[in-house]
Amino acid sequence: MAACPKCNGSGILQCHRCKGTGKVAKENSEAIVNMAPGANPEPVRCPSCHGVGTEPCSRCDGSGVVHC
């Protein structure tokens, strides 16, 4: 076994959707269309990582090791 090259053996990665912030822009297109120009959509908890900002590595399933 060897350390996973994708996560460097940690077993976790920064969330691909929120980039580690735990929040994403609200995805309600009607609300975004009706917003004032220059206004930002209200951030909501990231549905991919549930607001944590990290997710298990997909290559090693979170174990941090891969089989050679």
PDB file of N, CA and C in Angstrom:
ATOM      1  N   MET A   1       0.845  -1.178   0.000  1.00  0.00           N
ATOM      2  CA  MET A   1       0.000   0.000   0.000  1.00  0.00           C
ATOM      3  C   MET A   1       0.890   1.240   0.000  1.00  0.00           C
ATOM      4  N   ALA A   2       0.337   2.323  -0.531  1.00  0.00           N
ATOM      5  CA  ALA A   2       1.064   3.585  -0.610  1.00  0.00           C
ATOM      6  C   ALA A   2       0.115   4.736  -0.302  1.00  0.00           C
ATOM      7  N   ALA A   3       0.695   5.874   0.073  1.00  0.00           N
ATOM      8  CA  ALA A   3      -0.123   7.059   0.326  1.00  0.00           C
ATOM      9  C   ALA A   3      -0.840   7.453  -0.959  1.00  0.00           C
ATOM     10  N   CYS A   4      -2.076   7.823  -0.848  1.00  0.00           N
ATOM     11  CA  CYS A   4      -2.861   8.221  -2.006  1.00  0.00           C
ATOM     12  C   CYS A   4      -2.271   9.493  -2.625  1.00  0.00           C
ATOM     13  N   PRO A   5      -1.980   9.465  -3.919  1.00  0.00           N
ATOM     14  CA  PRO A   5      -1.396  10.641  -4.548  1.00  0.00           C
ATOM     15  C   PRO A   5      -2.385  11.800  -4.736  1.00  0.00           C
ATOM     16  N   LYS A   6      -3.676  11.507  -4.750  1.00  0.00           N
ATOM     17  CA  LYS A   6      -4.668  12.566  -4.956  1.00  0.00           C
ATOM     18  C   LYS A   6      -4.838  13.434  -3.704  1.00  0.00           C
ATOM     19  N   CYS A   7      -4.841  12.803  -2.524  1.00  0.00           N
ATOM     20  CA  CYS A   7      -5.049  13.543  -1.272  1.00  0.00           C
ATOM     21  C   CYS A   7      -3.795  13.608  -0.409  1.00  0.00           C
ATOM     22  N   ASN A   8      -2.681  13.101  -0.937  1.00  0.00           N
ATOM     23  CA  ASN A   8      -1.410  13.065  -0.202  1.00  0.00           C
ATOM     24  C   ASN A   8      -1.512  12.298   1.116  1.00  0.00           C
ATOM     25  N   GLY A   9      -2.364  11.283   1.140  1.00  0.00           N
ATOM     26  CA  GLY A   9      -2.490  10.430   2.310  1.00  0.00           C
ATOM     27  C   GLY A   9      -3.404  10.949   3.403  1.00  0.00           C
ATOM     28  N   SER A  10      -4.038  12.097   3.193  1.00  0.00           N
ATOM     29  CA  SER A  10      -4.913  12.647   4.239  1.00  0.00           C
ATOM     30  C   SER A  10      -6.297  12.009   4.244  1.00  0.00           C
ATOM     31  N   GLY A  11      -6.745  11.516   3.081  1.00  0.00           N
ATOM     32  CA  GLY A  11      -8.076  10.925   2.981  1.00  0.00           C
ATOM     33  C   GLY A  11      -9.172  11.943   2.742  1.00  0.00           C
ATOM     34  N   ILE A  12      -8.847  13.232   2.795  1.00  0.00           N
ATOM     35  CA  ILE A  12      -9.853  14.267   2.565  1.00  0.00           C
ATOM     36  C   ILE A  12      -9.366  15.270   1.523  1.00  0.00           C
ATOM     37  N   LEU A  13     -10.315  15.876   0.853  1.00  0.00           N
ATOM     38  CA  LEU A  13     -10.033  16.894  -0.144  1.00  0.00           C
ATOM     39  C   LEU A  13     -10.919  18.104   0.106  1.00  0.00           C
ATOM     40  N   GLN A  14     -10.489  19.231  -0.382  1.00  0.00           N
ATOM     41  CA  GLN A  14     -11.321  20.422  -0.342  1.00  0.00           C
ATOM     42  C   GLN A  14     -12.546  20.151  -1.210  1.00  0.00           C
ATOM     43  N   CYS A  15     -13.690  20.569  -0.761  1.00  0.00           N
ATOM     44  CA  CYS A  15     -14.925  20.346  -1.511  1.00  0.00           C
ATOM     45  C   CYS A  15     -14.817  20.980  -2.895  1.00  0.00           C
ATOM     46  N   HIS A  16     -15.165  20.198  -3.909  1.00  0.00           N
ATOM     47  CA  HIS A  16     -15.076  20.674  -5.290  1.00  0.00           C
ATOM     48  C   HIS A  16     -16.103  21.757  -5.609  1.00  0.00           C
ATOM     49  N   ARG A  17     -17.203  21.765  -4.883  1.00  0.00           N
ATOM     50  CA  ARG A  17     -18.285  22.702  -5.201  1.00  0.00           C
ATOM     51  C   ARG A  17     -18.115  24.062  -4.530  1.00  0.00           C
ATOM     52  N   CYS A  18     -17.778  24.059  -3.240  1.00  0.00           N
ATOM     53  CA  CYS A  18     -17.677  25.326  -2.505  1.00  0.00           C
ATOM     54  C   CYS A  18     -16.236  25.781  -2.305  1.00  0.00           C
ATOM     55  N   LYS A  19     -15.284  24.984  -2.770  1.00  0.00           N
ATOM     56  CA  LYS A  19     -13.851  25.300  -2.651  1.00  0.00           C
ATOM     57  C   LYS A  19     -13.420  25.489  -1.197  1.00  0.00           C
ATOM     58  N   GLY A  20     -14.047  24.724  -0.297  1.00  0.00           N
ATOM     59  CA  GLY A  20     -13.644  24.720   1.100  1.00  0.00           C
ATOM     60  C   GLY A  20     -14.342  25.728   1.992  1.00  0.00           C
ATOM     61  N   THR A  21     -15.233  26.535   1.444  1.00  0.00           N
ATOM     62  CA  THR A  21     -15.900  27.551   2.258  1.00  0.00           C
ATOM     63  C   THR A  21     -17.106  27.019   3.021  1.00  0.00           C
ATOM     64  N   GLY A  22     -17.695  25.930   2.526  1.00  0.00           N
ATOM     65  CA  GLY A  22     -18.899  25.390   3.158  1.00  0.00           C
ATOM     66  C   GLY A  22     -20.169  26.082   2.715  1.00  0.00           C
ATOM     67  N   LYS A  23     -20.046  27.122   1.891  1.00  0.00           N
ATOM     68  CA  LYS A  23     -21.211  27.889   1.422  1.00  0.00           C
ATOM     69  C   LYS A  23     -21.175  28.019  -0.097  1.00  0.00           C
ATOM     70  N   VAL A  24     -22.342  28.040  -0.709  1.00  0.00           N
ATOM     71  CA  VAL A  24     -22.475  28.285  -2.141  1.00  0.00           C
ATOM     72  C   VAL A  24     -23.579  29.314  -2.353  1.00  0.00           C
ATOM     73  N   ALA A  25     -23.596  29.926  -3.529  1.00  0.00           N
ATOM     74  CA  ALA A  25     -24.650  30.890  -3.848  1.00  0.00           C
ATOM     75  C   ALA A  25     -25.983  30.158  -3.948  1.00  0.00           C
ATOM     76  N   LYS A  26     -27.012  30.797  -3.488  1.00  0.00           N
ATOM     77  CA  LYS A  26     -28.350  30.224  -3.568  1.00  0.00           C
ATOM     78  C   LYS A  26     -28.698  29.999  -5.032  1.00  0.00           C
ATOM     79  N   GLU A  27     -29.216  28.831  -5.360  1.00  0.00           N
ATOM     80  CA  GLU A  27     -29.460  28.454  -6.748  1.00  0.00           C
ATOM     81  C   GLU A  27     -30.925  28.578  -7.144  1.00  0.00           C
ATOM     82  N   ASN A  28     -31.544  29.638  -6.765  1.00  0.00           N
ATOM     83  CA  ASN A  28     -32.933  29.872  -7.138  1.00  0.00           C
ATOM     84  C   ASN A  28     -32.918  30.893  -8.271  1.00  0.00           C
ATOM     85  N   SER A  29     -33.094  30.441  -9.488  1.00  0.00           N
ATOM     86  CA  SER A  29     -32.950  31.328 -10.645  1.00  0.00           C
ATOM     87  C   SER A  29     -33.944  32.486 -10.621  1.00  0.00           C
ATOM     88  N   GLU A  30     -35.149  32.264 -10.115  1.00  0.00           N
ATOM     89  CA  GLU A  30     -36.127  33.345 -10.060  1.00  0.00           C
ATOM     90  C   GLU A  30     -35.650  34.455  -9.124  1.00  0.00           C
ATOM     91  N   ALA A  31     -35.100  34.080  -7.976  1.00  0.00           N
ATOM     92  CA  ALA A  31     -34.594  35.074  -7.024  1.00  0.00           C
ATOM     93  C   ALA A  31     -33.421  35.831  -7.622  1.00  0.00           C
ATOM     94  N   ILE A  32     -32.558  35.148  -8.364  1.00  0.00           N
ATOM     95  CA  ILE A  32     -31.397  35.801  -8.961  1.00  0.00           C
ATOM     96  C   ILE A  32     -31.838  36.787 -10.046  1.00  0.00           C
ATOM     97  N   VAL A  33     -32.839  36.430 -10.854  1.00  0.00           N
ATOM     98  CA  VAL A  33     -33.331  37.315 -11.907  1.00  0.00           C
ATOM     99  C   VAL A  33     -33.931  38.574 -11.300  1.00  0.00           C
ATOM    100  N   ASN A  34     -34.608  38.460 -10.179  1.00  0.00           N
ATOM    101  CA  ASN A  34     -35.282  39.595  -9.554  1.00  0.00           C
ATOM    102  C   ASN A  34     -34.378  40.417  -8.643  1.00  0.00           C
ATOM    103  N   MET A  35     -33.101  40.080  -8.554  1.00  0.00           N
ATOM    104  CA  MET A  35     -32.185  40.801  -7.674  1.00  0.00           C
ATOM    105  C   MET A  35     -31.779  42.138  -8.294  1.00  0.00           C
ATOM    106  N   ALA A  36     -31.433  43.066  -7.449  1.00  0.00           N
ATOM    107  CA  ALA A  36     -30.928  44.350  -7.921  1.00  0.00           C
ATOM    108  C   ALA A  36     -29.577  44.142  -8.594  1.00  0.00           C
ATOM    109  N   PRO A  37     -29.256  44.941  -9.600  1.00  0.00           N
ATOM    110  CA  PRO A  37     -27.953  44.808 -10.262  1.00  0.00           C
ATOM    111  C   PRO A  37     -26.814  44.982  -9.258  1.00  0.00           C
ATOM    112  N   GLY A  38     -25.836  44.110  -9.334  1.00  0.00           N
ATOM    113  CA  GLY A  38     -24.680  44.178  -8.440  1.00  0.00           C
ATOM    114  C   GLY A  38     -24.870  43.453  -7.117  1.00  0.00           C
ATOM    115  N   ALA A  39     -26.084  43.012  -6.817  1.00  0.00           N
ATOM    116  CA  ALA A  39     -26.337  42.292  -5.563  1.00  0.00           C
ATOM    117  C   ALA A  39     -25.874  40.847  -5.709  1.00  0.00           C
ATOM    118  N   ASN A  40     -25.402  40.281  -4.616  1.00  0.00           N
ATOM    119  CA  ASN A  40     -24.960  38.889  -4.609  1.00  0.00           C
ATOM    120  C   ASN A  40     -26.044  38.007  -4.002  1.00  0.00           C
ATOM    121  N   PRO A  41     -26.229  36.808  -4.578  1.00  0.00           N
ATOM    122  CA  PRO A  41     -27.216  35.890  -3.986  1.00  0.00           C
ATOM    123  C   PRO A  41     -26.802  35.497  -2.571  1.00  0.00           C
ATOM    124  N   GLU A  42     -27.783  35.261  -1.734  1.00  0.00           N
ATOM    125  CA  GLU A  42     -27.522  34.851  -0.346  1.00  0.00           C
ATOM    126  C   GLU A  42     -26.832  33.492  -0.334  1.00  0.00           C
ATOM    127  N   PRO A  43     -25.684  33.372   0.368  1.00  0.00           N
ATOM    128  CA  PRO A  43     -25.028  32.066   0.425  1.00  0.00           C
ATOM    129  C   PRO A  43     -25.810  31.086   1.299  1.00  0.00           C
ATOM    130  N   VAL A  44     -25.780  29.833   0.903  1.00  0.00           N
ATOM    131  CA  VAL A  44     -26.433  28.773   1.652  1.00  0.00           C
ATOM    132  C   VAL A  44     -25.434  27.644   1.885  1.00  0.00           C
ATOM    133  N   ARG A  45     -25.754  26.750   2.789  1.00  0.00           N
ATOM    134  CA  ARG A  45     -24.874  25.613   3.085  1.00  0.00           C
ATOM    135  C   ARG A  45     -24.661  24.767   1.836  1.00  0.00           C
ATOM    136  N   CYS A  46     -23.431  24.387   1.587  1.00  0.00           N
ATOM    137  CA  CYS A  46     -23.085  23.596   0.411  1.00  0.00           C
ATOM    138  C   CYS A  46     -23.740  22.218   0.504  1.00  0.00           C
ATOM    139  N   PRO A  47     -24.492  21.819  -0.526  1.00  0.00           N
ATOM    140  CA  PRO A  47     -25.141  20.510  -0.492  1.00  0.00           C
ATOM    141  C   PRO A  47     -24.169  19.342  -0.712  1.00  0.00           C
ATOM    142  N   SER A  48     -23.014  19.613  -1.283  1.00  0.00           N
ATOM    143  CA  SER A  48     -22.051  18.528  -1.534  1.00  0.00           C
ATOM    144  C   SER A  48     -21.329  18.097  -0.269  1.00  0.00           C
ATOM    145  N   CYS A  49     -20.874  19.072   0.545  1.00  0.00           N
ATOM    146  CA  CYS A  49     -20.107  18.745   1.760  1.00  0.00           C
ATOM    147  C   CYS A  49     -20.890  19.011   3.034  1.00  0.00           C
ATOM    148  N   HIS A  50     -22.135  19.454   2.897  1.00  0.00           N
ATOM    149  CA  HIS A  50     -23.010  19.751   4.044  1.00  0.00           C
ATOM    150  C   HIS A  50     -22.429  20.831   4.940  1.00  0.00           C
ATOM    151  N   GLY A  51     -21.714  21.787   4.335  1.00  0.00           N
ATOM    152  CA  GLY A  51     -21.189  22.932   5.072  1.00  0.00           C
ATOM    153  C   GLY A  51     -19.853  22.715   5.733  1.00  0.00           C
ATOM    154  N   VAL A  52     -19.263  21.543   5.572  1.00  0.00           N
ATOM    155  CA  VAL A  52     -17.990  21.234   6.226  1.00  0.00           C
ATOM    156  C   VAL A  52     -16.802  21.833   5.462  1.00  0.00           C
ATOM    157  N   GLY A  53     -16.883  21.866   4.141  1.00  0.00           N
ATOM    158  CA  GLY A  53     -15.802  22.402   3.322  1.00  0.00           C
ATOM    159  C   GLY A  53     -14.837  21.346   2.816  1.00  0.00           C
ATOM    160  N   THR A  54     -14.987  20.119   3.292  1.00  0.00           N
ATOM    161  CA  THR A  54     -14.142  19.017   2.828  1.00  0.00           C
ATOM    162  C   THR A  54     -15.022  17.825   2.491  1.00  0.00           C
ATOM    163  N   GLU A  55     -14.442  16.903   1.736  1.00  0.00           N
ATOM    164  CA  GLU A  55     -15.149  15.680   1.391  1.00  0.00           C
ATOM    165  C   GLU A  55     -14.134  14.546   1.305  1.00  0.00           C
ATOM    166  N   PRO A  56     -14.563  13.304   1.469  1.00  0.00           N
ATOM    167  CA  PRO A  56     -13.632  12.181   1.371  1.00  0.00           C
ATOM    168  C   PRO A  56     -13.011  12.110  -0.024  1.00  0.00           C
ATOM    169  N   CYS A  57     -11.774  11.724  -0.074  1.00  0.00           N
ATOM    170  CA  CYS A  57     -11.081  11.557  -1.349  1.00  0.00           C
ATOM    171  C   CYS A  57     -11.767  10.458  -2.157  1.00  0.00           C
ATOM    172  N   SER A  58     -12.033  10.736  -3.421  1.00  0.00           N
ATOM    173  CA  SER A  58     -12.718   9.765  -4.264  1.00  0.00           C
ATOM    174  C   SER A  58     -11.795   8.647  -4.736  1.00  0.00           C
ATOM    175  N   ARG A  59     -10.505   8.890  -4.723  1.00  0.00           N
ATOM    176  CA  ARG A  59      -9.578   7.850  -5.196  1.00  0.00           C
ATOM    177  C   ARG A  59      -9.361   6.771  -4.141  1.00  0.00           C
ATOM    178  N   CYS A  60      -9.184   7.168  -2.875  1.00  0.00           N
ATOM    179  CA  CYS A  60      -8.903   6.190  -1.821  1.00  0.00           C
ATOM    180  C   CYS A  60     -10.091   5.955  -0.900  1.00  0.00           C
ATOM    181  N   ASP A  61     -11.244   6.524  -1.234  1.00  0.00           N
ATOM    182  CA  ASP A  61     -12.459   6.424  -0.406  1.00  0.00           C
ATOM    183  C   ASP A  61     -12.245   6.908   1.021  1.00  0.00           C
ATOM    184  N   GLY A  62     -11.373   7.908   1.181  1.00  0.00           N
ATOM    185  CA  GLY A  62     -11.149   8.486   2.494  1.00  0.00           C
ATOM    186  C   GLY A  62     -10.162   7.771   3.371  1.00  0.00           C
ATOM    187  N   SER A  63      -9.559   6.689   2.879  1.00  0.00           N
ATOM    188  CA  SER A  63      -8.628   5.922   3.719  1.00  0.00           C
ATOM    189  C   SER A  63      -7.219   6.521   3.743  1.00  0.00           C
ATOM    190  N   GLY A  64      -6.874   7.291   2.704  1.00  0.00           N
ATOM    191  CA  GLY A  64      -5.527   7.872   2.622  1.00  0.00           C
ATOM    192  C   GLY A  64      -4.499   6.963   1.984  1.00  0.00           C
ATOM    193  N   VAL A  65      -4.879   5.727   1.698  1.00  0.00           N
ATOM    194  CA  VAL A  65      -3.933   4.781   1.080  1.00  0.00           C
ATOM    195  C   VAL A  65      -4.566   4.136  -0.147  1.00  0.00           C
ATOM    196  N   VAL A  66      -3.707   3.765  -1.085  1.00  0.00           N
ATOM    197  CA  VAL A  66      -4.148   3.043  -2.275  1.00  0.00           C
ATOM    198  C   VAL A  66      -3.300   1.802  -2.412  1.00  0.00           C
ATOM    199  N   HIS A  67      -3.847   0.799  -3.055  1.00  0.00           N
ATOM    200  CA  HIS A  67      -3.105  -0.431  -3.295  1.00  0.00           C
ATOM    201  C   HIS A  67      -2.243  -0.256  -4.537  1.00  0.00           C
ATOM    202  N   CYS A  68      -1.027  -0.681  -4.449  1.00  0.00           N
ATOM    203  CA  CYS A  68      -0.086  -0.543  -5.573  1.00  0.00           C
ATOM    204  C   CYS A  68      -0.406  -1.507  -6.683  1.00  0.00           C
TER     205      CYS A  68
END
